[in-house]
Amino acid sequence: MIPGSLESGEPLGFLSAFRDFKVWIKRYFWLWIAYQTLKGITTTTVIWVPLAYMYFK
């Protein structure tokens, strides 16, 4: 079978796309939360803390 092809009896349409999207959301939701947390911490430490330090000094 070709990777990515439909299994026998698997419907093609909105419902299968929605089901696949729900599986994708469940799989990657916490990875996205971790990424946003690390991005926020990095931005705060590298940009905002030095700017605030220079402003108030």
C-alpha atoms as a PDB file:
ATOM      1  CA  MET A   1       0.000   0.000   0.000  1.00  0.00           C
ATOM      2  CA  ILE A   2       1.191   3.510  -0.759  1.00  0.00           C
ATOM      3  CA  PRO A   3       1.871   5.579   2.383  1.00  0.00           C
ATOM      4  CA  GLY A   4      -0.802   8.205   2.849  1.00  0.00           C
ATOM      5  CA  SER A   5      -3.346   6.370   0.721  1.00  0.00           C
ATOM      6  CA  LEU A   6      -6.776   5.477   2.010  1.00  0.00           C
ATOM      7  CA  GLU A   7      -7.370   2.232   3.818  1.00  0.00           C
ATOM      8  CA  SER A   8     -10.062   0.036   2.318  1.00  0.00           C
ATOM      9  CA  GLY A   9     -13.445   1.279   3.460  1.00  0.00           C
ATOM     10  CA  GLU A  10     -12.096   4.570   4.810  1.00  0.00           C
ATOM     11  CA  PRO A  11     -14.386   7.421   3.747  1.00  0.00           C
ATOM     12  CA  LEU A  12     -13.012  10.489   2.035  1.00  0.00           C
ATOM     13  CA  GLY A  13     -14.700  13.697   3.057  1.00  0.00           C
ATOM     14  CA  PHE A  14     -15.292  16.261   5.729  1.00  0.00           C
ATOM     15  CA  LEU A  15     -15.857  13.827   8.584  1.00  0.00           C
ATOM     16  CA  SER A  16     -12.618  11.946   8.048  1.00  0.00           C
ATOM     17  CA  ALA A  17     -10.713  15.234   7.701  1.00  0.00           C
ATOM     18  CA  PHE A  18     -12.309  16.495  10.933  1.00  0.00           C
ATOM     19  CA  ARG A  19     -11.437  13.232  12.709  1.00  0.00           C
ATOM     20  CA  ASP A  20      -7.840  13.480  11.524  1.00  0.00           C
ATOM     21  CA  PHE A  21      -7.703  17.100  12.695  1.00  0.00           C
ATOM     22  CA  LYS A  22      -8.937  16.117  16.176  1.00  0.00           C
ATOM     23  CA  VAL A  23      -6.237  13.430  16.388  1.00  0.00           C
ATOM     24  CA  TRP A  24      -3.613  15.981  15.307  1.00  0.00           C
ATOM     25  CA  ILE A  25      -4.821  18.467  17.939  1.00  0.00           C
ATOM     26  CA  LYS A  26      -4.649  15.852  20.705  1.00  0.00           C
ATOM     27  CA  ARG A  27      -1.159  14.836  19.615  1.00  0.00           C
ATOM     28  CA  TYR A  28       0.419  18.266  19.310  1.00  0.00           C
ATOM     29  CA  PHE A  29      -1.498  20.460  21.801  1.00  0.00           C
ATOM     30  CA  TRP A  30       0.942  20.066  24.697  1.00  0.00           C
ATOM     31  CA  LEU A  31       3.912  20.418  22.366  1.00  0.00           C
ATOM     32  CA  TRP A  32       2.459  23.769  21.244  1.00  0.00           C
ATOM     33  CA  ILE A  33       1.937  24.839  24.877  1.00  0.00           C
ATOM     34  CA  ALA A  34       5.560  23.959  25.699  1.00  0.00           C
ATOM     35  CA  TYR A  35       6.797  25.877  22.638  1.00  0.00           C
ATOM     36  CA  GLN A  36       4.813  28.989  23.566  1.00  0.00           C
ATOM     37  CA  THR A  37       6.093  28.811  27.151  1.00  0.00           C
ATOM     38  CA  LEU A  38       9.725  28.555  26.072  1.00  0.00           C
ATOM     39  CA  LYS A  39       9.248  31.330  23.513  1.00  0.00           C
ATOM     40  CA  GLY A  40       7.726  33.611  26.169  1.00  0.00           C
ATOM     41  CA  ILE A  41      10.472  32.927  28.695  1.00  0.00           C
ATOM     42  CA  THR A  42      13.178  33.494  26.082  1.00  0.00           C
ATOM     43  CA  THR A  43      11.639  36.738  24.828  1.00  0.00           C
ATOM     44  CA  THR A  44      11.196  38.033  28.347  1.00  0.00           C
ATOM     45  CA  THR A  45      14.757  37.218  29.386  1.00  0.00           C
ATOM     46  CA  VAL A  46      16.543  38.296  26.229  1.00  0.00           C
ATOM     47  CA  ILE A  47      14.527  41.386  25.280  1.00  0.00           C
ATOM     48  CA  TRP A  48      12.253  42.774  27.987  1.00  0.00           C
ATOM     49  CA  VAL A  49      14.418  42.347  31.078  1.00  0.00           C
ATOM     50  CA  PRO A  50      17.435  44.158  29.537  1.00  0.00           C
ATOM     51  CA  LEU A  51      15.170  46.922  28.192  1.00  0.00           C
ATOM     52  CA  ALA A  52      13.522  47.395  31.576  1.00  0.00           C
ATOM     53  CA  TYR A  53      16.935  47.364  33.270  1.00  0.00           C
ATOM     54  CA  MET A  54      18.286  50.054  30.927  1.00  0.00           C
ATOM     55  CA  TYR A  55      15.116  52.142  31.261  1.00  0.00           C
ATOM     56  CA  PHE A  56      15.038  52.136  35.058  1.00  0.00           C
ATOM     57  CA  LYS A  57      18.791  52.518  35.517  1.00  0.00           C
END
